[in-house]
Amino acid sequence: MSSLLNNSGHWQQRARETRRLADSVDDQEAKQTLLKIAEEYERLARRAASRDGRDDRDDRDERDRNGHTA
């Protein structure tokens, strides 16, 4: 389990998947809930990256290019 906690790529992927799901949902309350969950996945990714000593700016830049903000 600790390996997943320290794997920023895992949490970034979960955030991307959750945002894609949110994009497909018509219910605004469900959409907002999914977007909040995606933000929490991003927070976990940043924490994992900081524990790993990685700089996650490249991943943020990619999200920005895809129209999603952190």
PDB file of N, CA and C in Angstrom:
ATOM      1  N   MET A   1       0.821  -1.203   0.000  1.00  0.00           N
ATOM      2  CA  MET A   1       0.000   0.000   0.000  1.00  0.00           C
ATOM      3  C   MET A   1       0.859   1.259   0.000  1.00  0.00           C
ATOM      4  N   SER A   2       1.954   1.248   0.747  1.00  0.00           N
ATOM      5  CA  SER A   2       2.776   2.451   0.803  1.00  0.00           C
ATOM      6  C   SER A   2       3.359   2.792  -0.561  1.00  0.00           C
ATOM      7  N   SER A   3       3.572   1.783  -1.422  1.00  0.00           N
ATOM      8  CA  SER A   3       4.108   2.088  -2.745  1.00  0.00           C
ATOM      9  C   SER A   3       3.113   2.918  -3.552  1.00  0.00           C
ATOM     10  N   LEU A   4       1.819   2.660  -3.421  1.00  0.00           N
ATOM     11  CA  LEU A   4       0.815   3.486  -4.102  1.00  0.00           C
ATOM     12  C   LEU A   4       0.761   4.887  -3.514  1.00  0.00           C
ATOM     13  N   LEU A   5       0.891   4.976  -2.210  1.00  0.00           N
ATOM     14  CA  LEU A   5       0.846   6.299  -1.580  1.00  0.00           C
ATOM     15  C   LEU A   5       1.975   7.190  -2.065  1.00  0.00           C
ATOM     16  N   ASN A   6       3.079   6.601  -2.431  1.00  0.00           N
ATOM     17  CA  ASN A   6       4.235   7.372  -2.876  1.00  0.00           C
ATOM     18  C   ASN A   6       4.350   7.457  -4.394  1.00  0.00           C
ATOM     19  N   ASN A   7       3.362   6.963  -5.111  1.00  0.00           N
ATOM     20  CA  ASN A   7       3.391   6.934  -6.569  1.00  0.00           C
ATOM     21  C   ASN A   7       2.540   8.082  -7.116  1.00  0.00           C
ATOM     22  N   SER A   8       3.182   9.204  -7.410  1.00  0.00           N
ATOM     23  CA  SER A   8       2.429  10.377  -7.873  1.00  0.00           C
ATOM     24  C   SER A   8       1.719  10.107  -9.189  1.00  0.00           C
ATOM     25  N   GLY A   9       2.314   9.303 -10.056  1.00  0.00           N
ATOM     26  CA  GLY A   9       1.687   8.978 -11.329  1.00  0.00           C
ATOM     27  C   GLY A   9       0.358   8.259 -11.152  1.00  0.00           C
ATOM     28  N   HIS A  10       0.288   7.399 -10.148  1.00  0.00           N
ATOM     29  CA  HIS A  10      -0.958   6.684  -9.862  1.00  0.00           C
ATOM     30  C   HIS A  10      -2.073   7.676  -9.532  1.00  0.00           C
ATOM     31  N   TRP A  11      -1.779   8.635  -8.653  1.00  0.00           N
ATOM     32  CA  TRP A  11      -2.796   9.599  -8.231  1.00  0.00           C
ATOM     33  C   TRP A  11      -3.143  10.574  -9.352  1.00  0.00           C
ATOM     34  N   GLN A  12      -2.166  10.928 -10.175  1.00  0.00           N
ATOM     35  CA  GLN A  12      -2.448  11.795 -11.318  1.00  0.00           C
ATOM     36  C   GLN A  12      -3.370  11.088 -12.310  1.00  0.00           C
ATOM     37  N   GLN A  13      -3.133   9.803 -12.530  1.00  0.00           N
ATOM     38  CA  GLN A  13      -3.993   9.028 -13.428  1.00  0.00           C
ATOM     39  C   GLN A  13      -5.409   8.952 -12.869  1.00  0.00           C
ATOM     40  N   ARG A  14      -5.529   8.716 -11.583  1.00  0.00           N
ATOM     41  CA  ARG A  14      -6.864   8.669 -10.959  1.00  0.00           C
ATOM     42  C   ARG A  14      -7.574  10.000 -11.127  1.00  0.00           C
ATOM     43  N   ALA A  15      -6.847  11.097 -10.973  1.00  0.00           N
ATOM     44  CA  ALA A  15      -7.445  12.426 -11.147  1.00  0.00           C
ATOM     45  C   ALA A  15      -7.933  12.606 -12.582  1.00  0.00           C
ATOM     46  N   ARG A  16      -7.108  12.214 -13.555  1.00  0.00           N
ATOM     47  CA  ARG A  16      -7.516  12.332 -14.965  1.00  0.00           C
ATOM     48  C   ARG A  16      -8.768  11.507 -15.251  1.00  0.00           C
ATOM     49  N   GLU A  17      -8.808  10.285 -14.747  1.00  0.00           N
ATOM     50  CA  GLU A  17      -9.966   9.416 -14.963  1.00  0.00           C
ATOM     51  C   GLU A  17     -11.218  10.009 -14.328  1.00  0.00           C
ATOM     52  N   THR A  18     -11.060  10.561 -13.140  1.00  0.00           N
ATOM     53  CA  THR A  18     -12.201  11.144 -12.442  1.00  0.00           C
ATOM     54  C   THR A  18     -12.699  12.383 -13.172  1.00  0.00           C
ATOM     55  N   ARG A  19     -11.793  13.201 -13.696  1.00  0.00           N
ATOM     56  CA  ARG A  19     -12.213  14.371 -14.471  1.00  0.00           C
ATOM     57  C   ARG A  19     -12.929  13.959 -15.758  1.00  0.00           C
ATOM     58  N   ARG A  20     -12.441  12.912 -16.411  1.00  0.00           N
ATOM     59  CA  ARG A  20     -13.133  12.417 -17.615  1.00  0.00           C
ATOM     60  C   ARG A  20     -14.547  11.968 -17.265  1.00  0.00           C
ATOM     61  N   LEU A  21     -14.688  11.277 -16.150  1.00  0.00           N
ATOM     62  CA  LEU A  21     -16.004  10.847 -15.708  1.00  0.00           C
ATOM     63  C   LEU A  21     -16.885  12.065 -15.423  1.00  0.00           C
ATOM     64  N   ALA A  22     -16.333  13.057 -14.748  1.00  0.00           N
ATOM     65  CA  ALA A  22     -17.099  14.272 -14.444  1.00  0.00           C
ATOM     66  C   ALA A  22     -17.562  14.952 -15.729  1.00  0.00           C
ATOM     67  N   ASP A  23     -16.726  14.945 -16.747  1.00  0.00           N
ATOM     68  CA  ASP A  23     -17.100  15.557 -18.026  1.00  0.00           C
ATOM     69  C   ASP A  23     -18.296  14.870 -18.667  1.00  0.00           C
ATOM     70  N   SER A  24     -18.507  13.610 -18.341  1.00  0.00           N
ATOM     71  CA  SER A  24     -19.591  12.857 -18.971  1.00  0.00           C
ATOM     72  C   SER A  24     -20.888  12.872 -18.162  1.00  0.00           C
ATOM     73  N   VAL A  25     -20.870  13.485 -16.981  1.00  0.00           N
ATOM     74  CA  VAL A  25     -22.027  13.480 -16.090  1.00  0.00           C
ATOM     75  C   VAL A  25     -22.847  14.743 -16.305  1.00  0.00           C
ATOM     76  N   ASP A  26     -24.160  14.574 -16.413  1.00  0.00           N
ATOM     77  CA  ASP A  26     -25.048  15.723 -16.588  1.00  0.00           C
ATOM     78  C   ASP A  26     -25.472  16.354 -15.265  1.00  0.00           C
ATOM     79  N   ASP A  27     -25.571  15.544 -14.228  1.00  0.00           N
ATOM     80  CA  ASP A  27     -26.002  16.024 -12.920  1.00  0.00           C
ATOM     81  C   ASP A  27     -24.916  16.929 -12.328  1.00  0.00           C
ATOM     82  N   GLN A  28     -25.251  18.197 -12.106  1.00  0.00           N
ATOM     83  CA  GLN A  28     -24.253  19.174 -11.661  1.00  0.00           C
ATOM     84  C   GLN A  28     -23.703  18.881 -10.268  1.00  0.00           C
ATOM     85  N   GLU A  29     -24.533  18.372  -9.379  1.00  0.00           N
ATOM     86  CA  GLU A  29     -24.038  18.035  -8.037  1.00  0.00           C
ATOM     87  C   GLU A  29     -23.036  16.887  -8.107  1.00  0.00           C
ATOM     88  N   ALA A  30     -23.352  15.864  -8.897  1.00  0.00           N
ATOM     89  CA  ALA A  30     -22.431  14.738  -9.063  1.00  0.00           C
ATOM     90  C   ALA A  30     -21.144  15.204  -9.737  1.00  0.00           C
ATOM     91  N   LYS A  31     -21.263  16.076 -10.737  1.00  0.00           N
ATOM     92  CA  LYS A  31     -20.090  16.601 -11.433  1.00  0.00           C
ATOM     93  C   LYS A  31     -19.171  17.329 -10.464  1.00  0.00           C
ATOM     94  N   GLN A  32     -19.737  18.193  -9.626  1.00  0.00           N
ATOM     95  CA  GLN A  32     -18.928  18.940  -8.664  1.00  0.00           C
ATOM     96  C   GLN A  32     -18.269  18.012  -7.652  1.00  0.00           C
ATOM     97  N   THR A  33     -18.994  16.986  -7.223  1.00  0.00           N
ATOM     98  CA  THR A  33     -18.419  16.013  -6.290  1.00  0.00           C
ATOM     99  C   THR A  33     -17.237  15.297  -6.927  1.00  0.00           C
ATOM    100  N   LEU A  34     -17.388  14.872  -8.171  1.00  0.00           N
ATOM    101  CA  LEU A  34     -16.293  14.200  -8.869  1.00  0.00           C
ATOM    102  C   LEU A  34     -15.095  15.122  -9.047  1.00  0.00           C
ATOM    103  N   LEU A  35     -15.337  16.382  -9.355  1.00  0.00           N
ATOM    104  CA  LEU A  35     -14.229  17.328  -9.515  1.00  0.00           C
ATOM    105  C   LEU A  35     -13.494  17.557  -8.194  1.00  0.00           C
ATOM    106  N   LYS A  36     -14.228  17.561  -7.089  1.00  0.00           N
ATOM    107  CA  LYS A  36     -13.580  17.680  -5.774  1.00  0.00           C
ATOM    108  C   LYS A  36     -12.725  16.451  -5.486  1.00  0.00           C
ATOM    109  N   ILE A  37     -13.237  15.291  -5.845  1.00  0.00           N
ATOM    110  CA  ILE A  37     -12.463  14.056  -5.662  1.00  0.00           C
ATOM    111  C   ILE A  37     -11.187  14.118  -6.500  1.00  0.00           C
ATOM    112  N   ALA A  38     -11.304  14.602  -7.737  1.00  0.00           N
ATOM    113  CA  ALA A  38     -10.128  14.737  -8.603  1.00  0.00           C
ATOM    114  C   ALA A  38      -9.103  15.675  -7.974  1.00  0.00           C
ATOM    115  N   GLU A  39      -9.563  16.748  -7.377  1.00  0.00           N
ATOM    116  CA  GLU A  39      -8.648  17.675  -6.704  1.00  0.00           C
ATOM    117  C   GLU A  39      -7.924  16.991  -5.548  1.00  0.00           C
ATOM    118  N   GLU A  40      -8.620  16.135  -4.821  1.00  0.00           N
ATOM    119  CA  GLU A  40      -7.982  15.408  -3.722  1.00  0.00           C
ATOM    120  C   GLU A  40      -6.947  14.415  -4.258  1.00  0.00           C
ATOM    121  N   TYR A  41      -7.235  13.791  -5.390  1.00  0.00           N
ATOM    122  CA  TYR A  41      -6.235  12.928  -6.019  1.00  0.00           C
ATOM    123  C   TYR A  41      -5.003  13.744  -6.411  1.00  0.00           C
ATOM    124  N   GLU A  42      -5.218  14.949  -6.919  1.00  0.00           N
ATOM    125  CA  GLU A  42      -4.088  15.828  -7.264  1.00  0.00           C
ATOM    126  C   GLU A  42      -3.278  16.175  -6.021  1.00  0.00           C
ATOM    127  N   ARG A  43      -3.961  16.407  -4.929  1.00  0.00           N
ATOM    128  CA  ARG A  43      -3.270  16.714  -3.671  1.00  0.00           C
ATOM    129  C   ARG A  43      -2.415  15.521  -3.244  1.00  0.00           C
ATOM    130  N   LEU A  44      -2.980  14.323  -3.362  1.00  0.00           N
ATOM    131  CA  LEU A  44      -2.206  13.117  -3.042  1.00  0.00           C
ATOM    132  C   LEU A  44      -1.006  12.977  -3.970  1.00  0.00           C
ATOM    133  N   ALA A  45      -1.180  13.315  -5.246  1.00  0.00           N
ATOM    134  CA  ALA A  45      -0.067  13.241  -6.204  1.00  0.00           C
ATOM    135  C   ALA A  45       1.042  14.213  -5.813  1.00  0.00           C
ATOM    136  N   ARG A  46       0.666  15.422  -5.418  1.00  0.00           N
ATOM    137  CA  ARG A  46       1.687  16.412  -5.012  1.00  0.00           C
ATOM    138  C   ARG A  46       2.422  15.939  -3.768  1.00  0.00           C
ATOM    139  N   ARG A  47       1.705  15.374  -2.821  1.00  0.00           N
ATOM    140  CA  ARG A  47       2.354  14.875  -1.605  1.00  0.00           C
ATOM    141  C   ARG A  47       3.292  13.719  -1.923  1.00  0.00           C
ATOM    142  N   ALA A  48       2.844  12.823  -2.795  1.00  0.00           N
ATOM    143  CA  ALA A  48       3.696  11.688  -3.185  1.00  0.00           C
ATOM    144  C   ALA A  48       4.945  12.194  -3.888  1.00  0.00           C
ATOM    145  N   ALA A  49       4.782  13.181  -4.765  1.00  0.00           N
ATOM    146  CA  ALA A  49       5.929  13.736  -5.488  1.00  0.00           C
ATOM    147  C   ALA A  49       6.901  14.407  -4.524  1.00  0.00           C
ATOM    148  N   SER A  50       6.382  15.091  -3.530  1.00  0.00           N
ATOM    149  CA  SER A  50       7.280  15.767  -2.586  1.00  0.00           C
ATOM    150  C   SER A  50       8.022  14.751  -1.724  1.00  0.00           C
ATOM    151  N   ARG A  51       7.370  13.639  -1.390  1.00  0.00           N
ATOM    152  CA  ARG A  51       8.053  12.588  -0.630  1.00  0.00           C
ATOM    153  C   ARG A  51       9.134  11.935  -1.479  1.00  0.00           C
ATOM    154  N   ASP A  52       8.871  11.863  -2.770  1.00  0.00           N
ATOM    155  CA  ASP A  52       9.791  11.222  -3.703  1.00  0.00           C
ATOM    156  C   ASP A  52      10.885  12.185  -4.166  1.00  0.00           C
ATOM    157  N   GLY A  53      10.734  13.463  -3.838  1.00  0.00           N
ATOM    158  CA  GLY A  53      11.708  14.464  -4.256  1.00  0.00           C
ATOM    159  C   GLY A  53      11.539  14.896  -5.691  1.00  0.00           C
ATOM    160  N   ARG A  54      10.429  14.515  -6.314  1.00  0.00           N
ATOM    161  CA  ARG A  54      10.169  14.891  -7.702  1.00  0.00           C
ATOM    162  C   ARG A  54       9.510  16.254  -7.775  1.00  0.00           C
ATOM    163  N   ASP A  55       9.695  16.871  -8.901  1.00  0.00           N
ATOM    164  CA  ASP A  55       9.026  18.132  -9.210  1.00  0.00           C
ATOM    165  C   ASP A  55       7.897  17.796 -10.170  1.00  0.00           C
ATOM    166  N   ASP A  56       6.645  18.098  -9.807  1.00  0.00           N
ATOM    167  CA  ASP A  56       5.519  17.704 -10.654  1.00  0.00           C
ATOM    168  C   ASP A  56       5.046  18.824 -11.577  1.00  0.00           C
ATOM    169  N   ARG A  57       5.890  19.829 -11.854  1.00  0.00           N
ATOM    170  CA  ARG A  57       5.480  20.918 -12.740  1.00  0.00           C
ATOM    171  C   ARG A  57       5.132  20.433 -14.133  1.00  0.00           C
ATOM    172  N   ASP A  58       5.861  19.452 -14.646  1.00  0.00           N
ATOM    173  CA  ASP A  58       5.559  18.935 -15.982  1.00  0.00           C
ATOM    174  C   ASP A  58       4.152  18.362 -16.035  1.00  0.00           C
ATOM    175  N   ASP A  59       3.731  17.682 -14.972  1.00  0.00           N
ATOM    176  CA  ASP A  59       2.392  17.113 -14.950  1.00  0.00           C
ATOM    177  C   ASP A  59       1.341  18.204 -14.882  1.00  0.00           C
ATOM    178  N   ARG A  60       1.610  19.272 -14.131  1.00  0.00           N
ATOM    179  CA  ARG A  60       0.668  20.395 -14.079  1.00  0.00           C
ATOM    180  C   ARG A  60       0.559  21.050 -15.441  1.00  0.00           C
ATOM    181  N   ASP A  61       1.696  21.214 -16.112  1.00  0.00           N
ATOM    182  CA  ASP A  61       1.683  21.813 -17.444  1.00  0.00           C
ATOM    183  C   ASP A  61       0.835  20.981 -18.396  1.00  0.00           C
ATOM    184  N   GLU A  62       0.938  19.645 -18.303  1.00  0.00           N
ATOM    185  CA  GLU A  62       0.144  18.769 -19.163  1.00  0.00           C
ATOM    186  C   GLU A  62      -1.339  18.935 -18.869  1.00  0.00           C
ATOM    187  N   ARG A  63      -1.721  19.014 -17.594  1.00  0.00           N
ATOM    188  CA  ARG A  63      -3.127  19.206 -17.246  1.00  0.00           C
ATOM    189  C   ARG A  63      -3.623  20.534 -17.786  1.00  0.00           C
ATOM    190  N   ASP A  64      -2.799  21.588 -17.683  1.00  0.00           N
ATOM    191  CA  ASP A  64      -3.186  22.888 -18.207  1.00  0.00           C
ATOM    192  C   ASP A  64      -3.435  22.817 -19.699  1.00  0.00           C
ATOM    193  N   ARG A  65      -2.593  22.113 -20.423  1.00  0.00           N
ATOM    194  CA  ARG A  65      -2.768  21.964 -21.872  1.00  0.00           C
ATOM    195  C   ARG A  65      -4.042  21.211 -22.193  1.00  0.00           C
ATOM    196  N   ASN A  66      -4.474  20.320 -21.301  1.00  0.00           N
ATOM    197  CA  ASN A  66      -5.688  19.541 -21.519  1.00  0.00           C
ATOM    198  C   ASN A  66      -6.931  20.239 -20.992  1.00  0.00           C
ATOM    199  N   GLY A  67      -6.785  21.466 -20.524  1.00  0.00           N
ATOM    200  CA  GLY A  67      -7.935  22.235 -20.091  1.00  0.00           C
ATOM    201  C   GLY A  67      -8.370  21.996 -18.666  1.00  0.00           C
ATOM    202  N   HIS A  68      -7.541  21.333 -17.886  1.00  0.00           N
ATOM    203  CA  HIS A  68      -7.871  21.075 -16.481  1.00  0.00           C
ATOM    204  C   HIS A  68      -6.863  21.805 -15.612  1.00  0.00           C
ATOM    205  N   THR A  69      -7.353  22.350 -14.523  1.00  0.00           N
ATOM    206  CA  THR A  69      -6.472  23.051 -13.607  1.00  0.00           C
ATOM    207  C   THR A  69      -6.326  22.249 -12.337  1.00  0.00           C
ATOM    208  N   ALA A  70      -5.214  22.452 -11.675  1.00  0.00           N
ATOM    209  CA  ALA A  70      -4.962  21.745 -10.413  1.00  0.00           C
ATOM    210  C   ALA A  70      -5.619  22.445  -9.259  1.00  0.00           C
TER     211      ALA A  70
END
